[in-house]
């Protein structure tokens, strides 16, 4: 692997992927960020099995490849680099070389084959909704999810699409919150999505404008 990417874009991508890296997993590979360099696109993935986040940035790819690097150490290195182009390449002994202007770092990487695969996307389940609308629906329901994990199903939000209407439902045994909105989608979908996943969606929609496109895994 060998590529060049601007420090600002790379740092933002790392920050997004890190939101899914809890550091509490018994699997050491999940303490890292998966990176794939291909077709002038750098893909970064963070995961704790329950929640996975994938983000992509443009990069000048000289040599394709995939690696997993320690999320915390890699993030700290990139954060402290000058605002310039960052050159990253794999070297001997399972290491990567990070060069930015006069700064140079060597970091051990892990085998990307050990990183869990993301669920396959059903392309027929993709739909669009205005971010402002989705944010309002999440805000109007997430407060009612259960905090007690003895009933795990109640720590999530029911995500339902039926008759061209999206419904979000949350309850904790005492409160019930329901929000609905009409959408242009003919599919019928029923799933309970963890509250922490919706929380990350809510936080990320504050940074962008327009519509969101979401993939529903089944």
C-alpha atoms as a PDB file:
ATOM      1  CA  UNK A   1       0.000   0.000   0.000  1.00  0.00           C
ATOM      2  CA  UNK A   2       1.179   3.477  -0.839  1.00  0.00           C
ATOM      3  CA  UNK A   3      -0.880   6.659  -1.001  1.00  0.00           C
ATOM      4  CA  UNK A   4      -0.929  10.404  -0.377  1.00  0.00           C
ATOM      5  CA  UNK A   5      -3.826  12.215   1.282  1.00  0.00           C
ATOM      6  CA  UNK A   6      -4.280  15.666   2.754  1.00  0.00           C
ATOM      7  CA  UNK A   7      -3.917  15.762   6.524  1.00  0.00           C
ATOM      8  CA  UNK A   8      -7.265  17.508   7.065  1.00  0.00           C
ATOM      9  CA  UNK A   9      -9.278  14.961   5.043  1.00  0.00           C
ATOM     10  CA  UNK A  10      -7.491  12.022   6.619  1.00  0.00           C
ATOM     11  CA  UNK A  11      -7.954  13.364  10.142  1.00  0.00           C
ATOM     12  CA  UNK A  12     -11.682  13.915   9.564  1.00  0.00           C
ATOM     13  CA  UNK A  13     -12.101  10.382   8.184  1.00  0.00           C
ATOM     14  CA  UNK A  14     -10.253   8.893  11.168  1.00  0.00           C
ATOM     15  CA  UNK A  15     -12.437  10.872  13.562  1.00  0.00           C
ATOM     16  CA  UNK A  16     -15.592   9.507  11.917  1.00  0.00           C
ATOM     17  CA  UNK A  17     -14.424   5.878  11.900  1.00  0.00           C
ATOM     18  CA  UNK A  18     -13.192   6.097  15.515  1.00  0.00           C
ATOM     19  CA  UNK A  19     -16.749   6.633  16.746  1.00  0.00           C
ATOM     20  CA  UNK A  20     -17.355   2.909  16.272  1.00  0.00           C
ATOM     21  CA  UNK A  21     -14.137   1.838  18.023  1.00  0.00           C
ATOM     22  CA  UNK A  22     -14.928   1.340  21.711  1.00  0.00           C
ATOM     23  CA  UNK A  23     -11.630  -0.226  22.793  1.00  0.00           C
ATOM     24  CA  UNK A  24     -13.552  -2.659  25.030  1.00  0.00           C
ATOM     25  CA  UNK A  25     -13.679  -5.584  22.633  1.00  0.00           C
ATOM     26  CA  UNK A  26     -11.801  -8.802  23.527  1.00  0.00           C
ATOM     27  CA  UNK A  27     -10.758  -8.919  19.864  1.00  0.00           C
ATOM     28  CA  UNK A  28      -7.559  -6.815  19.455  1.00  0.00           C
ATOM     29  CA  UNK A  29      -8.301  -6.286  15.745  1.00  0.00           C
ATOM     30  CA  UNK A  30     -11.373  -4.214  16.675  1.00  0.00           C
ATOM     31  CA  UNK A  31      -9.171  -1.683  18.444  1.00  0.00           C
ATOM     32  CA  UNK A  32      -7.919  -0.722  15.012  1.00  0.00           C
ATOM     33  CA  UNK A  33      -9.181   1.070  11.923  1.00  0.00           C
ATOM     34  CA  UNK A  34      -9.399  -0.875   8.682  1.00  0.00           C
ATOM     35  CA  UNK A  35      -7.947   1.024   5.703  1.00  0.00           C
ATOM     36  CA  UNK A  36      -8.306   0.085   2.047  1.00  0.00           C
ATOM     37  CA  UNK A  37      -6.585   2.031  -0.742  1.00  0.00           C
ATOM     38  CA  UNK A  38      -8.079   1.446  -4.176  1.00  0.00           C
ATOM     39  CA  UNK A  39      -9.153   3.452  -7.265  1.00  0.00           C
ATOM     40  CA  UNK A  40      -7.934   6.773  -5.808  1.00  0.00           C
ATOM     41  CA  UNK A  41     -10.220   6.272  -2.819  1.00  0.00           C
ATOM     42  CA  UNK A  42      -9.176   5.581   0.751  1.00  0.00           C
ATOM     43  CA  UNK A  43     -11.816   3.683   2.745  1.00  0.00           C
ATOM     44  CA  UNK A  44     -11.701   3.659   6.550  1.00  0.00           C
ATOM     45  CA  UNK A  45     -13.849   1.401   8.728  1.00  0.00           C
ATOM     46  CA  UNK A  46     -14.280   1.285  12.481  1.00  0.00           C
ATOM     47  CA  UNK A  47     -16.340  -1.424  14.179  1.00  0.00           C
ATOM     48  CA  UNK A  48     -17.278  -2.968  17.500  1.00  0.00           C
ATOM     49  CA  UNK A  49     -19.449  -5.637  15.785  1.00  0.00           C
ATOM     50  CA  UNK A  50     -22.699  -3.983  16.943  1.00  0.00           C
ATOM     51  CA  UNK A  51     -21.880  -0.712  15.183  1.00  0.00           C
ATOM     52  CA  UNK A  52     -19.725  -0.272  12.089  1.00  0.00           C
ATOM     53  CA  UNK A  53     -18.903   3.039  10.408  1.00  0.00           C
ATOM     54  CA  UNK A  54     -17.413   3.319   6.934  1.00  0.00           C
ATOM     55  CA  UNK A  55     -16.156   6.570   5.440  1.00  0.00           C
ATOM     56  CA  UNK A  56     -14.281   7.383   2.241  1.00  0.00           C
ATOM     57  CA  UNK A  57     -11.899  10.164   1.154  1.00  0.00           C
ATOM     58  CA  UNK A  58     -10.070  10.980  -2.037  1.00  0.00           C
ATOM     59  CA  UNK A  59      -6.400  10.020  -2.106  1.00  0.00           C
ATOM     60  CA  UNK A  60      -3.600   9.651  -4.622  1.00  0.00           C
ATOM     61  CA  UNK A  61      -3.143   5.873  -4.653  1.00  0.00           C
ATOM     62  CA  UNK A  62       0.207   4.669  -5.970  1.00  0.00           C
ATOM     63  CA  UNK A  63      -0.116   1.110  -4.697  1.00  0.00           C
ATOM     64  CA  UNK A  64      -3.341  -0.566  -3.621  1.00  0.00           C
ATOM     65  CA  UNK A  65      -3.627  -2.497  -0.380  1.00  0.00           C
ATOM     66  CA  UNK A  66      -5.464  -3.084   2.904  1.00  0.00           C
ATOM     67  CA  UNK A  67      -4.240  -2.844   6.499  1.00  0.00           C
ATOM     68  CA  UNK A  68      -5.535  -2.321  10.035  1.00  0.00           C
ATOM     69  CA  UNK A  69      -3.813   0.226  12.279  1.00  0.00           C
ATOM     70  CA  UNK A  70      -4.284   0.978  15.973  1.00  0.00           C
ATOM     71  CA  UNK A  71      -7.066   3.564  16.113  1.00  0.00           C
ATOM     72  CA  UNK A  72      -5.769   5.616  19.034  1.00  0.00           C
ATOM     73  CA  UNK A  73      -2.085   5.753  18.067  1.00  0.00           C
ATOM     74  CA  UNK A  74      -2.756   6.375  14.370  1.00  0.00           C
ATOM     75  CA  UNK A  75      -5.276   9.106  15.179  1.00  0.00           C
ATOM     76  CA  UNK A  76      -2.839  10.871  17.519  1.00  0.00           C
ATOM     77  CA  UNK A  77      -0.029  10.765  14.950  1.00  0.00           C
ATOM     78  CA  UNK A  78      -2.157  12.240  12.167  1.00  0.00           C
ATOM     79  CA  UNK A  79      -3.653  14.882  14.469  1.00  0.00           C
ATOM     80  CA  UNK A  80      -0.203  16.247  15.351  1.00  0.00           C
ATOM     81  CA  UNK A  81       1.082  16.446  11.763  1.00  0.00           C
ATOM     82  CA  UNK A  82       1.384  19.746   9.840  1.00  0.00           C
ATOM     83  CA  UNK A  83      -1.493  20.726   7.545  1.00  0.00           C
ATOM     84  CA  UNK A  84       0.048  19.257   4.434  1.00  0.00           C
ATOM     85  CA  UNK A  85       0.031  16.102   2.311  1.00  0.00           C
ATOM     86  CA  UNK A  86       0.544  12.864   4.244  1.00  0.00           C
ATOM     87  CA  UNK A  87       2.435  10.020   2.563  1.00  0.00           C
ATOM     88  CA  UNK A  88       1.718   6.551   3.930  1.00  0.00           C
ATOM     89  CA  UNK A  89       3.290   3.336   2.670  1.00  0.00           C
ATOM     90  CA  UNK A  90       3.730  -0.202   3.941  1.00  0.00           C
ATOM     91  CA  UNK A  91       7.264  -1.353   4.691  1.00  0.00           C
ATOM     92  CA  UNK A  92       8.913  -4.526   5.942  1.00  0.00           C
ATOM     93  CA  UNK A  93       8.067  -6.237   9.239  1.00  0.00           C
ATOM     94  CA  UNK A  94       4.340  -5.412   9.102  1.00  0.00           C
ATOM     95  CA  UNK A  95       4.953  -1.684   9.461  1.00  0.00           C
ATOM     96  CA  UNK A  96       3.776   1.475   7.757  1.00  0.00           C
ATOM     97  CA  UNK A  97       5.808   4.614   7.207  1.00  0.00           C
ATOM     98  CA  UNK A  98       4.055   7.943   7.725  1.00  0.00           C
ATOM     99  CA  UNK A  99       5.784  11.016   6.265  1.00  0.00           C
ATOM    100  CA  UNK A 100       4.562  14.614   6.334  1.00  0.00           C
ATOM    101  CA  UNK A 101       7.045  17.378   5.560  1.00  0.00           C
ATOM    102  CA  UNK A 102       9.849  16.869   8.120  1.00  0.00           C
ATOM    103  CA  UNK A 103       7.904  14.424  10.294  1.00  0.00           C
ATOM    104  CA  UNK A 104       8.341  10.675   9.950  1.00  0.00           C
ATOM    105  CA  UNK A 105       6.745   7.821  11.922  1.00  0.00           C
ATOM    106  CA  UNK A 106       6.849   4.040  11.765  1.00  0.00           C
ATOM    107  CA  UNK A 107       3.823   2.136  13.032  1.00  0.00           C
ATOM    108  CA  UNK A 108       3.067  -1.586  13.250  1.00  0.00           C
ATOM    109  CA  UNK A 109      -0.076  -2.636  11.394  1.00  0.00           C
ATOM    110  CA  UNK A 110      -2.331  -5.691  11.728  1.00  0.00           C
ATOM    111  CA  UNK A 111      -3.570  -8.211   9.185  1.00  0.00           C
ATOM    112  CA  UNK A 112      -6.657  -6.836   7.422  1.00  0.00           C
ATOM    113  CA  UNK A 113      -7.961 -10.376   6.775  1.00  0.00           C
ATOM    114  CA  UNK A 114      -8.761 -10.678  10.489  1.00  0.00           C
ATOM    115  CA  UNK A 115     -11.090  -7.661  10.425  1.00  0.00           C
ATOM    116  CA  UNK A 116     -14.796  -8.655  10.381  1.00  0.00           C
ATOM    117  CA  UNK A 117     -16.666  -8.083   7.127  1.00  0.00           C
ATOM    118  CA  UNK A 118     -19.474  -5.548   6.995  1.00  0.00           C
ATOM    119  CA  UNK A 119     -22.963  -6.942   6.319  1.00  0.00           C
ATOM    120  CA  UNK A 120     -23.877  -7.154   2.661  1.00  0.00           C
ATOM    121  CA  UNK A 121     -26.004  -4.269   1.447  1.00  0.00           C
ATOM    122  CA  UNK A 122     -29.395  -4.943  -0.073  1.00  0.00           C
ATOM    123  CA  UNK A 123     -29.452  -2.253  -2.748  1.00  0.00           C
ATOM    124  CA  UNK A 124     -33.256  -2.432  -2.890  1.00  0.00           C
ATOM    125  CA  UNK A 125     -33.446  -1.181   0.696  1.00  0.00           C
ATOM    126  CA  UNK A 126     -31.782   2.186   0.067  1.00  0.00           C
ATOM    127  CA  UNK A 127     -33.894   5.301   0.559  1.00  0.00           C
ATOM    128  CA  UNK A 128     -33.417   9.033   1.044  1.00  0.00           C
ATOM    129  CA  UNK A 129     -34.819  11.349   3.688  1.00  0.00           C
ATOM    130  CA  UNK A 130     -34.041  15.013   4.518  1.00  0.00           C
ATOM    131  CA  UNK A 131     -31.488  15.153   7.304  1.00  0.00           C
ATOM    132  CA  UNK A 132     -33.493  17.729   9.232  1.00  0.00           C
ATOM    133  CA  UNK A 133     -36.467  15.362   9.230  1.00  0.00           C
ATOM    134  CA  UNK A 134     -34.471  12.337  10.364  1.00  0.00           C
ATOM    135  CA  UNK A 135     -32.723  14.337  13.079  1.00  0.00           C
ATOM    136  CA  UNK A 136     -36.094  15.516  14.389  1.00  0.00           C
ATOM    137  CA  UNK A 137     -37.468  11.961  14.412  1.00  0.00           C
ATOM    138  CA  UNK A 138     -34.465  10.598  16.291  1.00  0.00           C
ATOM    139  CA  UNK A 139     -34.549  13.445  18.816  1.00  0.00           C
ATOM    140  CA  UNK A 140     -38.250  12.845  19.360  1.00  0.00           C
ATOM    141  CA  UNK A 141     -37.813   9.160  20.230  1.00  0.00           C
ATOM    142  CA  UNK A 142     -34.323   8.377  21.511  1.00  0.00           C
ATOM    143  CA  UNK A 143     -35.022   9.811  24.978  1.00  0.00           C
ATOM    144  CA  UNK A 144     -37.516   6.978  25.581  1.00  0.00           C
ATOM    145  CA  UNK A 145     -35.145   4.023  25.026  1.00  0.00           C
ATOM    146  CA  UNK A 146     -34.361   1.851  28.043  1.00  0.00           C
ATOM    147  CA  UNK A 147     -31.007   2.282  29.782  1.00  0.00           C
ATOM    148  CA  UNK A 148     -31.230  -1.060  31.585  1.00  0.00           C
ATOM    149  CA  UNK A 149     -29.586  -3.696  29.382  1.00  0.00           C
ATOM    150  CA  UNK A 150     -31.401  -6.562  31.112  1.00  0.00           C
ATOM    151  CA  UNK A 151     -33.974  -6.111  28.326  1.00  0.00           C
ATOM    152  CA  UNK A 152     -31.679  -5.403  25.336  1.00  0.00           C
ATOM    153  CA  UNK A 153     -34.552  -5.068  22.831  1.00  0.00           C
ATOM    154  CA  UNK A 154     -35.751  -1.930  24.642  1.00  0.00           C
ATOM    155  CA  UNK A 155     -32.355  -0.236  24.285  1.00  0.00           C
ATOM    156  CA  UNK A 156     -33.086   0.111  20.574  1.00  0.00           C
ATOM    157  CA  UNK A 157     -35.584   1.961  18.412  1.00  0.00           C
ATOM    158  CA  UNK A 158     -38.091   0.198  16.180  1.00  0.00           C
ATOM    159  CA  UNK A 159     -37.426   1.291  12.596  1.00  0.00           C
ATOM    160  CA  UNK A 160     -40.448   0.588  10.411  1.00  0.00           C
ATOM    161  CA  UNK A 161     -41.276   1.447   6.810  1.00  0.00           C
ATOM    162  CA  UNK A 162     -44.785   0.532   5.720  1.00  0.00           C
ATOM    163  CA  UNK A 163     -47.157   1.977   3.149  1.00  0.00           C
ATOM    164  CA  UNK A 164     -44.653   4.709   2.234  1.00  0.00           C
ATOM    165  CA  UNK A 165     -44.337   5.891   5.817  1.00  0.00           C
ATOM    166  CA  UNK A 166     -41.316   5.764   8.130  1.00  0.00           C
ATOM    167  CA  UNK A 167     -42.061   5.191  11.815  1.00  0.00           C
ATOM    168  CA  UNK A 168     -39.635   5.305  14.733  1.00  0.00           C
ATOM    169  CA  UNK A 169     -40.832   3.852  18.039  1.00  0.00           C
ATOM    170  CA  UNK A 170     -39.021   3.747  21.387  1.00  0.00           C
ATOM    171  CA  UNK A 171     -40.191   2.618  24.823  1.00  0.00           C
ATOM    172  CA  UNK A 172     -38.646   1.726  28.168  1.00  0.00           C
ATOM    173  CA  UNK A 173     -41.627   0.129  29.905  1.00  0.00           C
ATOM    174  CA  UNK A 174     -42.880   3.444  31.276  1.00  0.00           C
ATOM    175  CA  UNK A 175     -42.669   5.848  28.336  1.00  0.00           C
ATOM    176  CA  UNK A 176     -43.475   5.416  24.672  1.00  0.00           C
ATOM    177  CA  UNK A 177     -42.360   7.764  21.900  1.00  0.00           C
ATOM    178  CA  UNK A 178     -43.561   7.542  18.292  1.00  0.00           C
ATOM    179  CA  UNK A 179     -42.623   9.683  15.311  1.00  0.00           C
ATOM    180  CA  UNK A 180     -43.761   9.139  11.723  1.00  0.00           C
ATOM    181  CA  UNK A 181     -43.052  10.746   8.370  1.00  0.00           C
ATOM    182  CA  UNK A 182     -44.122  10.029   4.794  1.00  0.00           C
ATOM    183  CA  UNK A 183     -41.336   8.892   2.449  1.00  0.00           C
ATOM    184  CA  UNK A 184     -41.059   7.897  -1.194  1.00  0.00           C
ATOM    185  CA  UNK A 185     -40.304   4.218  -0.709  1.00  0.00           C
ATOM    186  CA  UNK A 186     -42.349   1.129  -1.560  1.00  0.00           C
ATOM    187  CA  UNK A 187     -40.442  -1.320   0.657  1.00  0.00           C
ATOM    188  CA  UNK A 188     -41.660  -2.875   3.882  1.00  0.00           C
ATOM    189  CA  UNK A 189     -38.960  -2.871   6.570  1.00  0.00           C
ATOM    190  CA  UNK A 190     -39.033  -3.799  10.256  1.00  0.00           C
ATOM    191  CA  UNK A 191     -35.897  -3.682  12.373  1.00  0.00           C
ATOM    192  CA  UNK A 192     -34.818  -2.707  15.881  1.00  0.00           C
ATOM    193  CA  UNK A 193     -31.731  -0.526  15.669  1.00  0.00           C
ATOM    194  CA  UNK A 194     -29.523   0.048  18.761  1.00  0.00           C
ATOM    195  CA  UNK A 195     -29.904   3.449  20.362  1.00  0.00           C
ATOM    196  CA  UNK A 196     -26.147   4.096  20.181  1.00  0.00           C
ATOM    197  CA  UNK A 197     -26.295   3.650  16.402  1.00  0.00           C
ATOM    198  CA  UNK A 198     -29.030   6.244  16.060  1.00  0.00           C
ATOM    199  CA  UNK A 199     -27.095   8.500  18.414  1.00  0.00           C
ATOM    200  CA  UNK A 200     -24.113   8.454  16.030  1.00  0.00           C
ATOM    201  CA  UNK A 201     -26.405   9.113  13.057  1.00  0.00           C
ATOM    202  CA  UNK A 202     -27.910  12.058  14.940  1.00  0.00           C
ATOM    203  CA  UNK A 203     -24.522  13.578  15.751  1.00  0.00           C
ATOM    204  CA  UNK A 204     -23.216  13.180  12.202  1.00  0.00           C
ATOM    205  CA  UNK A 205     -26.284  14.726  10.553  1.00  0.00           C
ATOM    206  CA  UNK A 206     -25.510  17.999  12.347  1.00  0.00           C
ATOM    207  CA  UNK A 207     -22.371  18.384  10.242  1.00  0.00           C
ATOM    208  CA  UNK A 208     -23.906  18.039   6.787  1.00  0.00           C
ATOM    209  CA  UNK A 209     -26.742  19.491   4.778  1.00  0.00           C
ATOM    210  CA  UNK A 210     -29.193  18.047   2.280  1.00  0.00           C
ATOM    211  CA  UNK A 211     -30.440  14.478   2.288  1.00  0.00           C
ATOM    212  CA  UNK A 212     -29.072  11.359   3.915  1.00  0.00           C
ATOM    213  CA  UNK A 213     -28.922   8.003   2.179  1.00  0.00           C
ATOM    214  CA  UNK A 214     -29.007   4.995   4.492  1.00  0.00           C
ATOM    215  CA  UNK A 215     -28.433   1.319   3.885  1.00  0.00           C
ATOM    216  CA  UNK A 216     -30.663  -1.104   5.791  1.00  0.00           C
ATOM    217  CA  UNK A 217     -28.952  -4.422   6.530  1.00  0.00           C
ATOM    218  CA  UNK A 218     -31.035  -7.543   6.909  1.00  0.00           C
END
